[in-house]
Amino acid sequence: CGRFVFGFASGALVAATPKIIGETIPG
């Protein structure tokens, strides 16, 4: 269960982080 929760959080962060970079850093 702990590894599932860890993977779940990692997946969400992998989705969010590139979005933040793409919406902030000038092209």
PDB file of all heavy atoms in Angstrom:
ATOM      1  N   CYS A   1       0.841  -1.209   0.000  1.00  0.00           N
ATOM      2  CA  CYS A   1       0.000   0.000   0.000  1.00  0.00           C
ATOM      3  C   CYS A   1       0.872   1.253   0.000  1.00  0.00           C
ATOM      4  O   CYS A   1       0.570   2.237  -0.681  1.00  0.00           O
ATOM      5  CB  CYS A   1      -0.921  -0.007   1.216  1.00  0.00           C
ATOM      6  SG  CYS A   1      -2.233  -1.242   1.149  1.00  0.00           S
ATOM      7  N   GLY A   2       1.953   1.203   0.764  1.00  0.00           N
ATOM      8  CA  GLY A   2       2.870   2.342   0.811  1.00  0.00           C
ATOM      9  C   GLY A   2       3.505   2.620  -0.529  1.00  0.00           C
ATOM     10  O   GLY A   2       3.640   3.761  -0.957  1.00  0.00           O
ATOM     11  N   ARG A   3       3.892   1.542  -1.242  1.00  0.00           N
ATOM     12  CA  ARG A   3       4.490   1.725  -2.569  1.00  0.00           C
ATOM     13  C   ARG A   3       3.466   2.245  -3.570  1.00  0.00           C
ATOM     14  O   ARG A   3       3.792   3.007  -4.480  1.00  0.00           O
ATOM     15  CB  ARG A   3       5.097   0.414  -3.085  1.00  0.00           C
ATOM     16  CG  ARG A   3       6.195  -0.177  -2.233  1.00  0.00           C
ATOM     17  CD  ARG A   3       7.069   0.848  -1.539  1.00  0.00           C
ATOM     18  NE  ARG A   3       7.884   1.614  -2.481  1.00  0.00           N
ATOM     19  CZ  ARG A   3       8.475   2.762  -2.183  1.00  0.00           C
ATOM     20  NH1 ARG A   3       8.321   3.311  -0.987  1.00  0.00           N
ATOM     21  NH2 ARG A   3       9.208   3.386  -3.081  1.00  0.00           N
ATOM     22  N   PHE A   4       2.197   1.835  -3.407  1.00  0.00           N
ATOM     23  CA  PHE A   4       1.144   2.362  -4.283  1.00  0.00           C
ATOM     24  C   PHE A   4       0.954   3.854  -4.042  1.00  0.00           C
ATOM     25  O   PHE A   4       0.873   4.643  -4.987  1.00  0.00           O
ATOM     26  CB  PHE A   4      -0.183   1.633  -4.043  1.00  0.00           C
ATOM     27  CG  PHE A   4      -1.327   2.199  -4.847  1.00  0.00           C
ATOM     28  CD1 PHE A   4      -1.540   1.782  -6.157  1.00  0.00           C
ATOM     29  CD2 PHE A   4      -2.172   3.153  -4.298  1.00  0.00           C
ATOM     30  CE1 PHE A   4      -2.584   2.309  -6.911  1.00  0.00           C
ATOM     31  CE2 PHE A   4      -3.215   3.690  -5.042  1.00  0.00           C
ATOM     32  CZ  PHE A   4      -3.421   3.263  -6.352  1.00  0.00           C
ATOM     33  N   VAL A   5       0.873   4.242  -2.771  1.00  0.00           N
ATOM     34  CA  VAL A   5       0.695   5.656  -2.423  1.00  0.00           C
ATOM     35  C   VAL A   5       1.887   6.469  -2.920  1.00  0.00           C
ATOM     36  O   VAL A   5       1.723   7.574  -3.458  1.00  0.00           O
ATOM     37  CB  VAL A   5       0.513   5.824  -0.894  1.00  0.00           C
ATOM     38  CG1 VAL A   5       0.528   7.289  -0.502  1.00  0.00           C
ATOM     39  CG2 VAL A   5      -0.785   5.169  -0.451  1.00  0.00           C
ATOM     40  N   PHE A   6       3.091   5.932  -2.748  1.00  0.00           N
ATOM     41  CA  PHE A   6       4.292   6.601  -3.220  1.00  0.00           C
ATOM     42  C   PHE A   6       4.243   6.782  -4.744  1.00  0.00           C
ATOM     43  O   PHE A   6       4.527   7.863  -5.269  1.00  0.00           O
ATOM     44  CB  PHE A   6       5.521   5.780  -2.829  1.00  0.00           C
ATOM     45  CG  PHE A   6       6.830   6.374  -3.280  1.00  0.00           C
ATOM     46  CD1 PHE A   6       7.517   7.262  -2.473  1.00  0.00           C
ATOM     47  CD2 PHE A   6       7.378   6.054  -4.516  1.00  0.00           C
ATOM     48  CE1 PHE A   6       8.728   7.825  -2.882  1.00  0.00           C
ATOM     49  CE2 PHE A   6       8.580   6.606  -4.946  1.00  0.00           C
ATOM     50  CZ  PHE A   6       9.250   7.496  -4.123  1.00  0.00           C
ATOM     51  N   GLY A   7       3.880   5.720  -5.458  1.00  0.00           N
ATOM     52  CA  GLY A   7       3.777   5.799  -6.911  1.00  0.00           C
ATOM     53  C   GLY A   7       2.692   6.768  -7.351  1.00  0.00           C
ATOM     54  O   GLY A   7       2.863   7.518  -8.323  1.00  0.00           O
ATOM     55  N   PHE A   8       1.579   6.767  -6.640  1.00  0.00           N
ATOM     56  CA  PHE A   8       0.465   7.667  -6.937  1.00  0.00           C
ATOM     57  C   PHE A   8       0.920   9.132  -6.858  1.00  0.00           C
ATOM     58  O   PHE A   8       0.657   9.931  -7.762  1.00  0.00           O
ATOM     59  CB  PHE A   8      -0.665   7.400  -5.949  1.00  0.00           C
ATOM     60  CG  PHE A   8      -1.836   8.330  -6.086  1.00  0.00           C
ATOM     61  CD1 PHE A   8      -2.658   8.270  -7.202  1.00  0.00           C
ATOM     62  CD2 PHE A   8      -2.117   9.248  -5.093  1.00  0.00           C
ATOM     63  CE1 PHE A   8      -3.744   9.131  -7.319  1.00  0.00           C
ATOM     64  CE2 PHE A   8      -3.188  10.107  -5.204  1.00  0.00           C
ATOM     65  CZ  PHE A   8      -4.017  10.050  -6.322  1.00  0.00           C
ATOM     66  N   ALA A   9       1.604   9.457  -5.765  1.00  0.00           N
ATOM     67  CA  ALA A   9       2.098  10.826  -5.591  1.00  0.00           C
ATOM     68  C   ALA A   9       3.132  11.179  -6.649  1.00  0.00           C
ATOM     69  O   ALA A   9       3.136  12.287  -7.198  1.00  0.00           O
ATOM     70  CB  ALA A   9       2.691  10.993  -4.191  1.00  0.00           C
ATOM     71  N   SER A  10       4.008  10.227  -6.957  1.00  0.00           N
ATOM     72  CA  SER A  10       5.042  10.468  -7.971  1.00  0.00           C
ATOM     73  C   SER A  10       4.420  10.740  -9.329  1.00  0.00           C
ATOM     74  O   SER A  10       4.858  11.636 -10.066  1.00  0.00           O
ATOM     75  CB  SER A  10       5.984   9.257  -8.067  1.00  0.00           C
ATOM     76  OG  SER A  10       6.645   9.030  -6.839  1.00  0.00           O
ATOM     77  N   GLY A  11       3.383   9.975  -9.677  1.00  0.00           N
ATOM     78  CA  GLY A  11       2.712  10.168 -10.955  1.00  0.00           C
ATOM     79  C   GLY A  11       2.081  11.540 -11.066  1.00  0.00           C
ATOM     80  O   GLY A  11       2.154  12.194 -12.117  1.00  0.00           O
ATOM     81  N   ALA A  12       1.444  11.983  -9.981  1.00  0.00           N
ATOM     82  CA  ALA A  12       0.825  13.308  -9.987  1.00  0.00           C
ATOM     83  C   ALA A  12       1.875  14.408 -10.123  1.00  0.00           C
ATOM     84  O   ALA A  12       1.667  15.393 -10.852  1.00  0.00           O
ATOM     85  CB  ALA A  12       0.016  13.505  -8.703  1.00  0.00           C
ATOM     86  N   LEU A  13       2.997  14.243  -9.449  1.00  0.00           N
ATOM     87  CA  LEU A  13       4.064  15.245  -9.519  1.00  0.00           C
ATOM     88  C   LEU A  13       4.709  15.279 -10.902  1.00  0.00           C
ATOM     89  O   LEU A  13       5.064  16.350 -11.402  1.00  0.00           O
ATOM     90  CB  LEU A  13       5.125  14.956  -8.454  1.00  0.00           C
ATOM     91  CG  LEU A  13       4.674  15.192  -7.008  1.00  0.00           C
ATOM     92  CD1 LEU A  13       5.704  14.657  -6.030  1.00  0.00           C
ATOM     93  CD2 LEU A  13       4.435  16.672  -6.755  1.00  0.00           C
ATOM     94  N   VAL A  14       4.838  14.115 -11.520  1.00  0.00           N
ATOM     95  CA  VAL A  14       5.397  14.059 -12.872  1.00  0.00           C
ATOM     96  C   VAL A  14       4.478  14.774 -13.859  1.00  0.00           C
ATOM     97  O   VAL A  14       4.943  15.350 -14.851  1.00  0.00           O
ATOM     98  CB  VAL A  14       5.625  12.590 -13.303  1.00  0.00           C
ATOM     99  CG1 VAL A  14       5.905  12.491 -14.794  1.00  0.00           C
ATOM    100  CG2 VAL A  14       6.790  11.995 -12.524  1.00  0.00           C
ATOM    101  N   ALA A  15       3.174  14.762 -13.582  1.00  0.00           N
ATOM    102  CA  ALA A  15       2.224  15.463 -14.447  1.00  0.00           C
ATOM    103  C   ALA A  15       2.251  16.969 -14.205  1.00  0.00           C
ATOM    104  O   ALA A  15       2.122  17.760 -15.145  1.00  0.00           O
ATOM    105  CB  ALA A  15       0.810  14.924 -14.217  1.00  0.00           C
ATOM    106  N   ALA A  16       2.428  17.367 -12.949  1.00  0.00           N
ATOM    107  CA  ALA A  16       2.341  18.790 -12.595  1.00  0.00           C
ATOM    108  C   ALA A  16       3.623  19.569 -12.869  1.00  0.00           C
ATOM    109  O   ALA A  16       3.573  20.708 -13.341  1.00  0.00           O
ATOM    110  CB  ALA A  16       1.970  18.931 -11.114  1.00  0.00           C
ATOM    111  N   THR A  17       4.764  18.963 -12.597  1.00  0.00           N
ATOM    112  CA  THR A  17       6.029  19.693 -12.693  1.00  0.00           C
ATOM    113  C   THR A  17       6.340  20.222 -14.088  1.00  0.00           C
ATOM    114  O   THR A  17       6.671  21.407 -14.247  1.00  0.00           O
ATOM    115  CB  THR A  17       7.188  18.817 -12.182  1.00  0.00           C
ATOM    116  OG1 THR A  17       6.896  18.369 -10.852  1.00  0.00           O
ATOM    117  CG2 THR A  17       8.481  19.602 -12.168  1.00  0.00           C
ATOM    118  N   PRO A  18       6.241  19.395 -15.140  1.00  0.00           N
ATOM    119  CA  PRO A  18       6.515  19.939 -16.475  1.00  0.00           C
ATOM    120  C   PRO A  18       5.542  21.050 -16.871  1.00  0.00           C
ATOM    121  O   PRO A  18       5.909  21.966 -17.609  1.00  0.00           O
ATOM    122  CB  PRO A  18       6.350  18.720 -17.397  1.00  0.00           C
ATOM    123  CG  PRO A  18       6.511  17.543 -16.509  1.00  0.00           C
ATOM    124  CD  PRO A  18       5.954  17.963 -15.191  1.00  0.00           C
ATOM    125  N   LYS A  19       4.316  20.950 -16.358  1.00  0.00           N
ATOM    126  CA  LYS A  19       3.314  21.978 -16.652  1.00  0.00           C
ATOM    127  C   LYS A  19       3.733  23.316 -16.062  1.00  0.00           C
ATOM    128  O   LYS A  19       3.627  24.365 -16.716  1.00  0.00           O
ATOM    129  CB  LYS A  19       1.962  21.545 -16.070  1.00  0.00           C
ATOM    130  CG  LYS A  19       0.798  22.417 -16.486  1.00  0.00           C
ATOM    131  CD  LYS A  19       0.367  22.136 -17.896  1.00  0.00           C
ATOM    132  CE  LYS A  19      -0.924  22.849 -18.241  1.00  0.00           C
ATOM    133  NZ  LYS A  19      -1.302  22.649 -19.668  1.00  0.00           N
ATOM    134  N   ILE A  20       4.226  23.307 -14.843  1.00  0.00           N
ATOM    135  CA  ILE A  20       4.679  24.533 -14.190  1.00  0.00           C
ATOM    136  C   ILE A  20       5.861  25.132 -14.951  1.00  0.00           C
ATOM    137  O   ILE A  20       5.905  26.340 -15.192  1.00  0.00           O
ATOM    138  CB  ILE A  20       5.087  24.244 -12.727  1.00  0.00           C
ATOM    139  CG1 ILE A  20       3.863  23.839 -11.918  1.00  0.00           C
ATOM    140  CG2 ILE A  20       5.758  25.466 -12.102  1.00  0.00           C
ATOM    141  CD1 ILE A  20       4.182  23.384 -10.506  1.00  0.00           C
ATOM    142  N   ILE A  21       6.793  24.275 -15.333  1.00  0.00           N
ATOM    143  CA  ILE A  21       7.967  24.756 -16.078  1.00  0.00           C
ATOM    144  C   ILE A  21       7.535  25.356 -17.414  1.00  0.00           C
ATOM    145  O   ILE A  21       7.963  26.453 -17.783  1.00  0.00           O
ATOM    146  CB  ILE A  21       8.970  23.615 -16.295  1.00  0.00           C
ATOM    147  CG1 ILE A  21       9.549  23.148 -14.958  1.00  0.00           C
ATOM    148  CG2 ILE A  21      10.105  24.062 -17.230  1.00  0.00           C
ATOM    149  CD1 ILE A  21      10.400  21.910 -15.049  1.00  0.00           C
ATOM    150  N   GLY A  22       6.680  24.643 -18.127  1.00  0.00           N
ATOM    151  CA  GLY A  22       6.235  25.105 -19.435  1.00  0.00           C
ATOM    152  C   GLY A  22       5.439  26.396 -19.385  1.00  0.00           C
ATOM    153  O   GLY A  22       5.464  27.186 -20.337  1.00  0.00           O
ATOM    154  N   GLU A  23       4.729  26.620 -18.278  1.00  0.00           N
ATOM    155  CA  GLU A  23       3.897  27.814 -18.145  1.00  0.00           C
ATOM    156  C   GLU A  23       4.636  28.983 -17.504  1.00  0.00           C
ATOM    157  O   GLU A  23       4.058  30.044 -17.314  1.00  0.00           O
ATOM    158  CB  GLU A  23       2.654  27.496 -17.312  1.00  0.00           C
ATOM    159  CG  GLU A  23       1.677  26.556 -17.997  1.00  0.00           C
ATOM    160  CD  GLU A  23       0.420  26.344 -17.179  1.00  0.00           C
ATOM    161  OE1 GLU A  23       0.400  26.777 -16.000  1.00  0.00           O
ATOM    162  OE2 GLU A  23      -0.532  25.760 -17.707  1.00  0.00           O
ATOM    163  N   THR A  24       5.882  28.793 -17.165  1.00  0.00           N
ATOM    164  CA  THR A  24       6.634  29.840 -16.471  1.00  0.00           C
ATOM    165  C   THR A  24       7.901  30.257 -17.219  1.00  0.00           C
ATOM    166  O   THR A  24       8.161  31.450 -17.399  1.00  0.00           O
ATOM    167  CB  THR A  24       7.017  29.376 -15.048  1.00  0.00           C
ATOM    168  OG1 THR A  24       5.839  29.033 -14.323  1.00  0.00           O
ATOM    169  CG2 THR A  24       7.756  30.472 -14.306  1.00  0.00           C
ATOM    170  N   ILE A  25       8.696  29.295 -17.644  1.00  0.00           N
ATOM    171  CA  ILE A  25       9.980  29.593 -18.280  1.00  0.00           C
ATOM    172  C   ILE A  25       9.752  30.112 -19.703  1.00  0.00           C
ATOM    173  O   ILE A  25       9.060  29.475 -20.496  1.00  0.00           O
ATOM    174  CB  ILE A  25      10.878  28.347 -18.323  1.00  0.00           C
ATOM    175  CG1 ILE A  25      11.085  27.797 -16.904  1.00  0.00           C
ATOM    176  CG2 ILE A  25      12.216  28.680 -18.965  1.00  0.00           C
ATOM    177  CD1 ILE A  25      11.736  28.753 -15.956  1.00  0.00           C
ATOM    178  N   PRO A  26      10.322  31.264 -20.053  1.00  0.00           N
ATOM    179  CA  PRO A  26      10.187  31.796 -21.423  1.00  0.00           C
ATOM    180  C   PRO A  26      10.732  30.817 -22.459  1.00  0.00           C
ATOM    181  O   PRO A  26      11.721  30.118 -22.214  1.00  0.00           O
ATOM    182  CB  PRO A  26      11.030  33.079 -21.380  1.00  0.00           C
ATOM    183  CG  PRO A  26      11.087  33.460 -19.932  1.00  0.00           C
ATOM    184  CD  PRO A  26      11.087  32.159 -19.178  1.00  0.00           C
ATOM    185  N   GLY A  27      10.068  30.765 -23.606  1.00  0.00           N
ATOM    186  CA  GLY A  27      10.441  29.812 -24.641  1.00  0.00           C
ATOM    187  C   GLY A  27      11.875  29.936 -25.115  1.00  0.00           C
ATOM    188  O   GLY A  27      12.519  28.934 -25.438  1.00  0.00           O
TER     189      GLY A  27
END
